[in-house]
PDB file of N, CA and C in Angstrom:
ATOM      1  N   THR A   1       0.756  -1.282  -0.012  1.00  0.00           N
ATOM      2  CA  THR A   1      -0.117  -0.069   0.007  1.00  0.00           C
ATOM      3  C   THR A   1       0.789   1.182  -0.120  1.00  0.00           C
ATOM      4  N   THR A   2       2.053   1.202   0.423  1.00  0.00           N
ATOM      5  CA  THR A   2       2.910   2.428   0.433  1.00  0.00           C
ATOM      6  C   THR A   2       3.126   2.741  -0.927  1.00  0.00           C
ATOM      7  N   ASP A   3       3.447   1.850  -1.828  1.00  0.00           N
ATOM      8  CA  ASP A   3       3.720   2.062  -3.193  1.00  0.00           C
ATOM      9  C   ASP A   3       2.427   2.866  -3.886  1.00  0.00           C
ATOM     10  N   PHE A   4       1.285   2.308  -3.522  1.00  0.00           N
ATOM     11  CA  PHE A   4       0.065   2.969  -4.005  1.00  0.00           C
ATOM     12  C   PHE A   4       0.038   4.275  -3.692  1.00  0.00           C
ATOM     13  N   PHE A   5       0.199   4.588  -2.216  1.00  0.00           N
ATOM     14  CA  PHE A   5       0.154   5.894  -1.732  1.00  0.00           C
ATOM     15  C   PHE A   5       1.102   6.866  -2.336  1.00  0.00           C
ATOM     16  N   SER A   6       2.449   6.573  -2.661  1.00  0.00           N
ATOM     17  CA  SER A   6       3.296   7.179  -3.360  1.00  0.00           C
ATOM     18  C   SER A   6       2.810   7.701  -4.722  1.00  0.00           C
ATOM     19  N   ILE A   7       2.289   6.652  -5.515  1.00  0.00           N
ATOM     20  CA  ILE A   7       1.996   6.928  -6.948  1.00  0.00           C
ATOM     21  C   ILE A   7       0.696   7.791  -6.730  1.00  0.00           C
ATOM     22  N   LEU A   8      -0.329   7.769  -5.837  1.00  0.00           N
ATOM     23  CA  LEU A   8      -1.397   8.751  -5.815  1.00  0.00           C
ATOM     24  C   LEU A   8      -0.590  10.081  -5.414  1.00  0.00           C
ATOM     25  N   LEU A   9       0.159  10.432  -4.657  1.00  0.00           N
ATOM     26  CA  LEU A   9       0.767  11.569  -4.310  1.00  0.00           C
ATOM     27  C   LEU A   9       1.365  12.164  -5.411  1.00  0.00           C
ATOM     28  N   THR A  10       2.212  11.286  -6.246  1.00  0.00           N
ATOM     29  CA  THR A  10       2.850  11.853  -7.405  1.00  0.00           C
ATOM     30  C   THR A  10       1.847  12.310  -8.570  1.00  0.00           C
ATOM     31  N   LEU A  11       0.649  11.469  -8.616  1.00  0.00           N
ATOM     32  CA  LEU A  11      -0.282  11.997  -9.700  1.00  0.00           C
ATOM     33  C   LEU A  11      -0.988  13.244  -9.264  1.00  0.00           C
ATOM     34  N   SER A  12      -1.365  13.290  -7.936  1.00  0.00           N
ATOM     35  CA  SER A  12      -1.970  14.538  -7.503  1.00  0.00           C
ATOM     36  C   SER A  12      -0.928  15.599  -7.685  1.00  0.00           C
ATOM     37  N   ALA A  13       0.185  15.546  -7.472  1.00  0.00           N
ATOM     38  CA  ALA A  13       1.264  16.775  -7.629  1.00  0.00           C
ATOM     39  C   ALA A  13       1.350  17.172  -9.254  1.00  0.00           C
ATOM     40  N   ARG A  14       1.327  15.953 -10.070  1.00  0.00           N
ATOM     41  CA  ARG A  14       1.256  16.272 -11.535  1.00  0.00           C
ATOM     42  C   ARG A  14       0.072  17.125 -11.931  1.00  0.00           C
ATOM     43  N   LEU A  15      -1.216  16.714 -11.244  1.00  0.00           N
ATOM     44  CA  LEU A  15      -2.387  17.246 -11.655  1.00  0.00           C
ATOM     45  C   LEU A  15      -2.608  18.769 -11.245  1.00  0.00           C
ATOM     46  N   TYR A  16      -1.943  18.996  -9.964  1.00  0.00           N
ATOM     47  CA  TYR A  16      -1.772  20.356  -9.780  1.00  0.00           C
ATOM     48  C   TYR A  16      -0.985  21.252 -10.580  1.00  0.00           C
ATOM     49  N   GLN A  17       0.259  20.663 -10.959  1.00  0.00           N
ATOM     50  CA  GLN A  17       1.201  21.293 -11.714  1.00  0.00           C
ATOM     51  C   GLN A  17       0.680  21.612 -13.075  1.00  0.00           C
ATOM     52  N   LYS A  18      -0.043  20.552 -13.726  1.00  0.00           N
ATOM     53  CA  LYS A  18      -0.615  20.905 -15.058  1.00  0.00           C
ATOM     54  C   LYS A  18      -1.778  21.834 -14.947  1.00  0.00           C
ATOM     55  N   ALA A  19      -2.361  21.990 -13.815  1.00  0.00           N
ATOM     56  CA  ALA A  19      -3.389  22.978 -13.578  1.00  0.00           C
ATOM     57  C   ALA A  19      -2.788  24.562 -13.454  1.00  0.00           C
ATOM     58  N   GLY A  20      -1.549  24.473 -13.209  1.00  0.00           N
ATOM     59  CA  GLY A  20      -0.694  25.626 -12.987  1.00  0.00           C
ATOM     60  C   GLY A  20      -0.987  26.131 -11.410  1.00  0.00           C
ATOM     61  N   LYS A  21      -1.306  25.055 -10.478  1.00  0.00           N
ATOM     62  CA  LYS A  21      -1.546  25.421  -9.177  1.00  0.00           C
ATOM     63  C   LYS A  21      -0.531  24.740  -8.322  1.00  0.00           C
ATOM     64  N   LYS A  22       0.881  24.956  -8.476  1.00  0.00           N
ATOM     65  CA  LYS A  22       1.679  24.139  -7.640  1.00  0.00           C
ATOM     66  C   LYS A  22       1.723  24.560  -6.432  1.00  0.00           C
ATOM     67  N   SER A  23       1.504  25.825  -5.869  1.00  0.00           N
ATOM     68  CA  SER A  23       1.508  26.013  -4.531  1.00  0.00           C
ATOM     69  C   SER A  23       0.411  25.602  -3.795  1.00  0.00           C
ATOM     70  N   GLU A  24      -0.760  25.414  -4.593  1.00  0.00           N
ATOM     71  CA  GLU A  24      -1.920  24.818  -3.977  1.00  0.00           C
ATOM     72  C   GLU A  24      -1.564  23.317  -3.491  1.00  0.00           C
ATOM     73  N   TYR A  25      -0.844  22.588  -4.213  1.00  0.00           N
ATOM     74  CA  TYR A  25      -0.351  21.219  -3.934  1.00  0.00           C
ATOM     75  C   TYR A  25       0.282  21.060  -2.655  1.00  0.00           C
ATOM     76  N   ILE A  26       1.138  21.967  -2.601  1.00  0.00           N
ATOM     77  CA  ILE A  26       1.925  22.067  -1.148  1.00  0.00           C
ATOM     78  C   ILE A  26       1.143  22.590  -0.039  1.00  0.00           C
ATOM     79  N   ARG A  27       0.209  23.461  -0.166  1.00  0.00           N
ATOM     80  CA  ARG A  27      -0.510  23.986   0.878  1.00  0.00           C
ATOM     81  C   ARG A  27      -1.451  22.830   1.203  1.00  0.00           C
ATOM     82  N   GLN A  28      -2.081  21.990   0.265  1.00  0.00           N
ATOM     83  CA  GLN A  28      -2.938  21.053   0.873  1.00  0.00           C
ATOM     84  C   GLN A  28      -2.218  19.698   1.338  1.00  0.00           C
ATOM     85  N   ALA A  29      -1.152  19.664   0.924  1.00  0.00           N
ATOM     86  CA  ALA A  29      -0.301  18.509   1.394  1.00  0.00           C
ATOM     87  C   ALA A  29      -0.029  18.786   3.010  1.00  0.00           C
ATOM     88  N   GLY A  30       0.223  19.941   3.336  1.00  0.00           N
ATOM     89  CA  GLY A  30       0.450  20.229   4.728  1.00  0.00           C
ATOM     90  C   GLY A  30       1.861  20.770   4.779  1.00  0.00           C
ATOM     91  N   PHE A  31       2.403  21.136   5.995  1.00  0.00           N
ATOM     92  CA  PHE A  31       3.527  21.424   6.403  1.00  0.00           C
ATOM     93  C   PHE A  31       4.264  20.593   7.281  1.00  0.00           C
ATOM     94  N   ALA A  32       5.634  20.313   6.930  1.00  0.00           N
ATOM     95  CA  ALA A  32       6.269  19.442   7.971  1.00  0.00           C
ATOM     96  C   ALA A  32       6.461  20.266   9.357  1.00  0.00           C
ATOM     97  N   PRO A  33       6.479  19.424  10.274  1.00  0.00           N
ATOM     98  CA  PRO A  33       6.361  20.116  11.664  1.00  0.00           C
ATOM     99  C   PRO A  33       7.618  21.183  11.939  1.00  0.00           C
ATOM    100  N   ILE A  34       8.699  20.894  11.385  1.00  0.00           N
ATOM    101  CA  ILE A  34       9.910  21.786  11.351  1.00  0.00           C
ATOM    102  C   ILE A  34       9.557  23.195  10.559  1.00  0.00           C
ATOM    103  N   GLN A  35       8.759  23.142   9.591  1.00  0.00           N
ATOM    104  CA  GLN A  35       8.118  24.245   8.751  1.00  0.00           C
ATOM    105  C   GLN A  35       7.198  25.079   9.886  1.00  0.00           C
ATOM    106  N   GLN A  36       6.302  24.325  10.397  1.00  0.00           N
ATOM    107  CA  GLN A  36       5.323  24.899  11.258  1.00  0.00           C
ATOM    108  C   GLN A  36       5.896  25.875  12.484  1.00  0.00           C
ATOM    109  N   GLU A  37       7.142  25.071  12.973  1.00  0.00           N
ATOM    110  CA  GLU A  37       7.971  25.680  14.207  1.00  0.00           C
ATOM    111  C   GLU A  37       8.549  26.970  13.444  1.00  0.00           C
ATOM    112  N   GLN A  38       9.250  26.892  12.389  1.00  0.00           N
ATOM    113  CA  GLN A  38       9.668  28.001  11.857  1.00  0.00           C
ATOM    114  C   GLN A  38       8.696  29.260  11.396  1.00  0.00           C
ATOM    115  N   MET A  39       7.635  28.807  10.868  1.00  0.00           N
ATOM    116  CA  MET A  39       6.486  29.756  10.707  1.00  0.00           C
ATOM    117  C   MET A  39       6.047  30.519  11.885  1.00  0.00           C
ATOM    118  N   VAL A  40       5.939  29.735  12.990  1.00  0.00           N
ATOM    119  CA  VAL A  40       5.532  30.168  14.097  1.00  0.00           C
ATOM    120  C   VAL A  40       6.646  31.177  14.784  1.00  0.00           C
ATOM    121  N   LEU A  41       7.927  30.725  14.903  1.00  0.00           N
ATOM    122  CA  LEU A  41       9.058  31.706  15.216  1.00  0.00           C
ATOM    123  C   LEU A  41       8.813  32.971  14.435  1.00  0.00           C
ATOM    124  N   ASN A  42       8.891  32.958  13.122  1.00  0.00           N
ATOM    125  CA  ASN A  42       8.730  33.997  12.305  1.00  0.00           C
ATOM    126  C   ASN A  42       7.695  34.916  12.609  1.00  0.00           C
ATOM    127  N   TYR A  43       6.569  34.520  12.796  1.00  0.00           N
ATOM    128  CA  TYR A  43       5.371  35.249  13.002  1.00  0.00           C
ATOM    129  C   TYR A  43       5.675  35.974  14.300  1.00  0.00           C
ATOM    130  N   ILE A  44       6.307  35.382  15.279  1.00  0.00           N
ATOM    131  CA  ILE A  44       6.526  36.063  16.716  1.00  0.00           C
ATOM    132  C   ILE A  44       7.574  37.048  16.328  1.00  0.00           C
ATOM    133  N   ASP A  45       8.552  37.034  15.608  1.00  0.00           N
ATOM    134  CA  ASP A  45       9.579  37.952  15.324  1.00  0.00           C
ATOM    135  C   ASP A  45       8.953  39.057  14.488  1.00  0.00           C
ATOM    136  N   LYS A  46       8.016  38.691  13.829  1.00  0.00           N
ATOM    137  CA  LYS A  46       7.581  39.913  12.837  1.00  0.00           C
ATOM    138  C   LYS A  46       6.431  40.681  13.626  1.00  0.00           C
ATOM    139  N   HIS A  47       5.616  40.005  14.628  1.00  0.00           N
ATOM    140  CA  HIS A  47       4.504  40.618  15.145  1.00  0.00           C
ATOM    141  C   HIS A  47       4.583  40.899  16.843  1.00  0.00           C
ATOM    142  N   GLY A  48       5.680  40.407  17.294  1.00  0.00           N
ATOM    143  CA  GLY A  48       5.799  40.483  18.772  1.00  0.00           C
ATOM    144  C   GLY A  48       5.380  39.378  19.459  1.00  0.00           C
ATOM    145  N   GLY A  49       4.457  38.720  19.113  1.00  0.00           N
ATOM    146  CA  GLY A  49       3.686  37.669  19.772  1.00  0.00           C
ATOM    147  C   GLY A  49       2.600  36.876  18.777  1.00  0.00           C
ATOM    148  N   ILE A  50       2.161  35.670  19.617  1.00  0.00           N
ATOM    149  CA  ILE A  50       1.270  34.735  18.691  1.00  0.00           C
ATOM    150  C   ILE A  50       0.196  34.209  19.681  1.00  0.00           C
ATOM    151  N   LYS A  51      -0.712  33.980  19.347  1.00  0.00           N
ATOM    152  CA  LYS A  51      -1.919  33.230  20.117  1.00  0.00           C
ATOM    153  C   LYS A  51      -2.270  32.062  19.527  1.00  0.00           C
ATOM    154  N   ARG A  52      -2.898  31.080  20.174  1.00  0.00           N
ATOM    155  CA  ARG A  52      -3.098  29.849  19.644  1.00  0.00           C
ATOM    156  C   ARG A  52      -4.053  29.815  18.266  1.00  0.00           C
ATOM    157  N   ALA A  53      -5.003  30.695  18.484  1.00  0.00           N
ATOM    158  CA  ALA A  53      -5.887  30.962  17.040  1.00  0.00           C
ATOM    159  C   ALA A  53      -5.042  31.436  15.854  1.00  0.00           C
ATOM    160  N   ASP A  54      -3.848  32.186  16.197  1.00  0.00           N
ATOM    161  CA  ASP A  54      -3.170  32.459  14.975  1.00  0.00           C
ATOM    162  C   ASP A  54      -2.324  31.517  14.594  1.00  0.00           C
ATOM    163  N   VAL A  55      -1.868  30.368  15.459  1.00  0.00           N
ATOM    164  CA  VAL A  55      -1.131  29.355  15.033  1.00  0.00           C
ATOM    165  C   VAL A  55      -2.074  28.383  14.326  1.00  0.00           C
ATOM    166  N   MET A  56      -3.408  28.327  14.689  1.00  0.00           N
ATOM    167  CA  MET A  56      -4.318  27.436  13.876  1.00  0.00           C
ATOM    168  C   MET A  56      -4.421  28.156  12.607  1.00  0.00           C
ATOM    169  N   ASP A  57      -4.698  29.301  12.316  1.00  0.00           N
ATOM    170  CA  ASP A  57      -4.735  29.940  10.984  1.00  0.00           C
ATOM    171  C   ASP A  57      -3.669  29.848  10.281  1.00  0.00           C
ATOM    172  N   LEU A  58      -2.481  30.288  10.932  1.00  0.00           N
ATOM    173  CA  LEU A  58      -1.162  30.175  10.123  1.00  0.00           C
ATOM    174  C   LEU A  58      -0.655  28.833   9.509  1.00  0.00           C
ATOM    175  N   CYS A  59      -0.790  27.671  10.451  1.00  0.00           N
ATOM    176  CA  CYS A  59      -0.276  26.536  10.089  1.00  0.00           C
ATOM    177  C   CYS A  59      -1.691  25.472   9.766  1.00  0.00           C
ATOM    178  N   HIS A  60      -2.646  25.960   9.476  1.00  0.00           N
ATOM    179  CA  HIS A  60      -3.833  25.062   9.105  1.00  0.00           C
ATOM    180  C   HIS A  60      -4.014  23.804  10.084  1.00  0.00           C
ATOM    181  N   LEU A  61      -3.933  24.236  11.488  1.00  0.00           N
ATOM    182  CA  LEU A  61      -4.055  23.174  12.475  1.00  0.00           C
ATOM    183  C   LEU A  61      -5.320  23.303  13.202  1.00  0.00           C
ATOM    184  N   ASN A  62      -5.693  22.345  14.049  1.00  0.00           N
ATOM    185  CA  ASN A  62      -7.015  22.481  14.850  1.00  0.00           C
ATOM    186  C   ASN A  62      -6.393  22.687  16.283  1.00  0.00           C
ATOM    187  N   GLY A  63      -7.354  23.201  17.362  1.00  0.00           N
ATOM    188  CA  GLY A  63      -6.775  23.500  18.440  1.00  0.00           C
ATOM    189  C   GLY A  63      -5.978  22.787  19.305  1.00  0.00           C
ATOM    190  N   PRO A  64      -6.174  21.455  19.507  1.00  0.00           N
ATOM    191  CA  PRO A  64      -5.046  20.612  20.089  1.00  0.00           C
ATOM    192  C   PRO A  64      -3.827  20.493  19.360  1.00  0.00           C
ATOM    193  N   GLN A  65      -3.857  20.507  18.236  1.00  0.00           N
ATOM    194  CA  GLN A  65      -2.515  20.503  17.373  1.00  0.00           C
ATOM    195  C   GLN A  65      -1.830  21.642  17.376  1.00  0.00           C
ATOM    196  N   ALA A  66      -2.495  22.685  17.516  1.00  0.00           N
ATOM    197  CA  ALA A  66      -1.721  24.094  17.691  1.00  0.00           C
ATOM    198  C   ALA A  66      -1.298  24.285  19.208  1.00  0.00           C
ATOM    199  N   TYR A  67      -2.045  23.698  20.236  1.00  0.00           N
ATOM    200  CA  TYR A  67      -1.660  23.767  21.440  1.00  0.00           C
ATOM    201  C   TYR A  67      -0.244  22.870  21.748  1.00  0.00           C
ATOM    202  N   ARG A  68      -0.180  21.883  21.114  1.00  0.00           N
ATOM    203  CA  ARG A  68       1.051  20.883  21.108  1.00  0.00           C
ATOM    204  C   ARG A  68       2.185  21.498  20.467  1.00  0.00           C
ATOM    205  N   LEU A  69       2.020  22.168  19.428  1.00  0.00           N
ATOM    206  CA  LEU A  69       2.915  22.909  18.709  1.00  0.00           C
ATOM    207  C   LEU A  69       3.636  23.949  19.716  1.00  0.00           C
ATOM    208  N   LEU A  70       2.618  24.895  20.170  1.00  0.00           N
ATOM    209  CA  LEU A  70       3.218  25.822  21.053  1.00  0.00           C
ATOM    210  C   LEU A  70       3.815  25.357  22.381  1.00  0.00           C
ATOM    211  N   LYS A  71       3.325  24.224  22.896  1.00  0.00           N
ATOM    212  CA  LYS A  71       3.697  23.563  24.027  1.00  0.00           C
ATOM    213  C   LYS A  71       5.410  23.155  23.742  1.00  0.00           C
ATOM    214  N   LYS A  72       5.509  22.479  22.756  1.00  0.00           N
ATOM    215  CA  LYS A  72       6.920  22.045  22.153  1.00  0.00           C
ATOM    216  C   LYS A  72       7.829  23.122  21.968  1.00  0.00           C
ATOM    217  N   LEU A  73       7.559  24.204  21.421  1.00  0.00           N
ATOM    218  CA  LEU A  73       8.306  25.285  21.256  1.00  0.00           C
ATOM    219  C   LEU A  73       8.742  25.980  22.687  1.00  0.00           C
ATOM    220  N   THR A  74       7.686  25.845  23.697  1.00  0.00           N
ATOM    221  CA  THR A  74       7.926  26.365  25.032  1.00  0.00           C
ATOM    222  C   THR A  74       8.843  25.536  25.861  1.00  0.00           C
ATOM    223  N   ASP A  75       8.653  24.181  25.583  1.00  0.00           N
ATOM    224  CA  ASP A  75       9.522  23.085  26.400  1.00  0.00           C
ATOM    225  C   ASP A  75      10.796  23.208  25.720  1.00  0.00           C
ATOM    226  N   LYS A  76      11.077  23.468  24.579  1.00  0.00           N
ATOM    227  CA  LYS A  76      12.540  23.797  23.900  1.00  0.00           C
ATOM    228  C   LYS A  76      12.982  25.010  24.454  1.00  0.00           C
ATOM    229  N   GLY A  77      12.387  26.043  24.990  1.00  0.00           N
ATOM    230  CA  GLY A  77      12.788  27.097  25.461  1.00  0.00           C
ATOM    231  C   GLY A  77      12.911  28.193  24.426  1.00  0.00           C
ATOM    232  N   LEU A  78      12.260  28.044  23.186  1.00  0.00           N
ATOM    233  CA  LEU A  78      12.334  28.845  22.127  1.00  0.00           C
ATOM    234  C   LEU A  78      11.261  30.149  22.246  1.00  0.00           C
ATOM    235  N   ILE A  79      10.175  29.853  23.087  1.00  0.00           N
ATOM    236  CA  ILE A  79       9.112  30.824  23.240  1.00  0.00           C
ATOM    237  C   ILE A  79       8.724  30.843  24.710  1.00  0.00           C
ATOM    238  N   LYS A  80       8.172  32.057  25.114  1.00  0.00           N
ATOM    239  CA  LYS A  80       7.744  31.821  26.447  1.00  0.00           C
ATOM    240  C   LYS A  80       6.056  32.231  26.503  1.00  0.00           C
ATOM    241  N   LYS A  81       5.272  31.828  27.347  1.00  0.00           N
ATOM    242  CA  LYS A  81       3.864  31.709  27.484  1.00  0.00           C
ATOM    243  C   LYS A  81       3.662  32.916  28.660  1.00  0.00           C
ATOM    244  N   THR A  82       2.675  33.684  28.289  1.00  0.00           N
ATOM    245  CA  THR A  82       2.289  34.556  29.309  1.00  0.00           C
ATOM    246  C   THR A  82       0.668  34.539  29.203  1.00  0.00           C
ATOM    247  N   GLY A  83       0.056  34.774  30.384  1.00  0.00           N
ATOM    248  CA  GLY A  83      -1.478  34.425  30.484  1.00  0.00           C
ATOM    249  C   GLY A  83      -1.950  33.181  30.343  1.00  0.00           C
ATOM    250  N   GLU A  84      -3.162  32.900  30.709  1.00  0.00           N
ATOM    251  CA  GLU A  84      -3.914  31.755  30.855  1.00  0.00           C
ATOM    252  C   GLU A  84      -4.915  31.394  30.015  1.00  0.00           C
ATOM    253  N   LYS A  85      -5.242  30.306  29.579  1.00  0.00           N
ATOM    254  CA  LYS A  85      -6.608  29.988  28.887  1.00  0.00           C
ATOM    255  C   LYS A  85      -6.522  31.099  27.646  1.00  0.00           C
ATOM    256  N   LYS A  86      -7.877  31.583  27.608  1.00  0.00           N
ATOM    257  CA  LYS A  86      -8.121  32.542  26.526  1.00  0.00           C
ATOM    258  C   LYS A  86      -7.107  33.657  26.186  1.00  0.00           C
ATOM    259  N   HIS A  87      -6.564  34.102  27.488  1.00  0.00           N
ATOM    260  CA  HIS A  87      -5.775  35.180  27.389  1.00  0.00           C
ATOM    261  C   HIS A  87      -4.162  34.835  27.071  1.00  0.00           C
ATOM    262  N   ALA A  88      -3.970  33.452  27.076  1.00  0.00           N
ATOM    263  CA  ALA A  88      -2.488  33.094  26.785  1.00  0.00           C
ATOM    264  C   ALA A  88      -1.783  33.681  25.543  1.00  0.00           C
ATOM    265  N   ALA A  89      -0.729  34.080  25.572  1.00  0.00           N
ATOM    266  CA  ALA A  89       0.025  34.506  24.185  1.00  0.00           C
ATOM    267  C   ALA A  89       1.605  33.986  24.524  1.00  0.00           C
ATOM    268  N   TYR A  90       2.082  33.979  23.279  1.00  0.00           N
ATOM    269  CA  TYR A  90       3.514  33.476  23.335  1.00  0.00           C
ATOM    270  C   TYR A  90       4.384  34.622  22.572  1.00  0.00           C
ATOM    271  N   THR A  91       5.535  34.539  23.360  1.00  0.00           N
ATOM    272  CA  THR A  91       6.510  35.619  22.900  1.00  0.00           C
ATOM    273  C   THR A  91       7.928  34.993  22.700  1.00  0.00           C
ATOM    274  N   ARG A  92       8.839  35.641  22.385  1.00  0.00           N
ATOM    275  CA  ARG A  92      10.260  35.111  22.415  1.00  0.00           C
ATOM    276  C   ARG A  92      11.052  35.523  23.562  1.00  0.00           C
TER     277      ARG A  92
END
């Protein structure tokens, strides 16, 4: 089944490419976790902070996924959490 899945992804990429929508394929295929981390860090650097809802929108994640990403970055010491629950925000 792995070969079938690889073939499916390749065909999908080709269809997007032929339709002139290369970036749409990448967007729908999702981002690697390291890319998500970098996007969050870049957002904080540019805007001074980020909230979970911003992470959800930025990385196309649901609430629990965004929470785990922010927790991972906090645990690594890359960001700091201020506030609690709805008022939580993250900075560098």
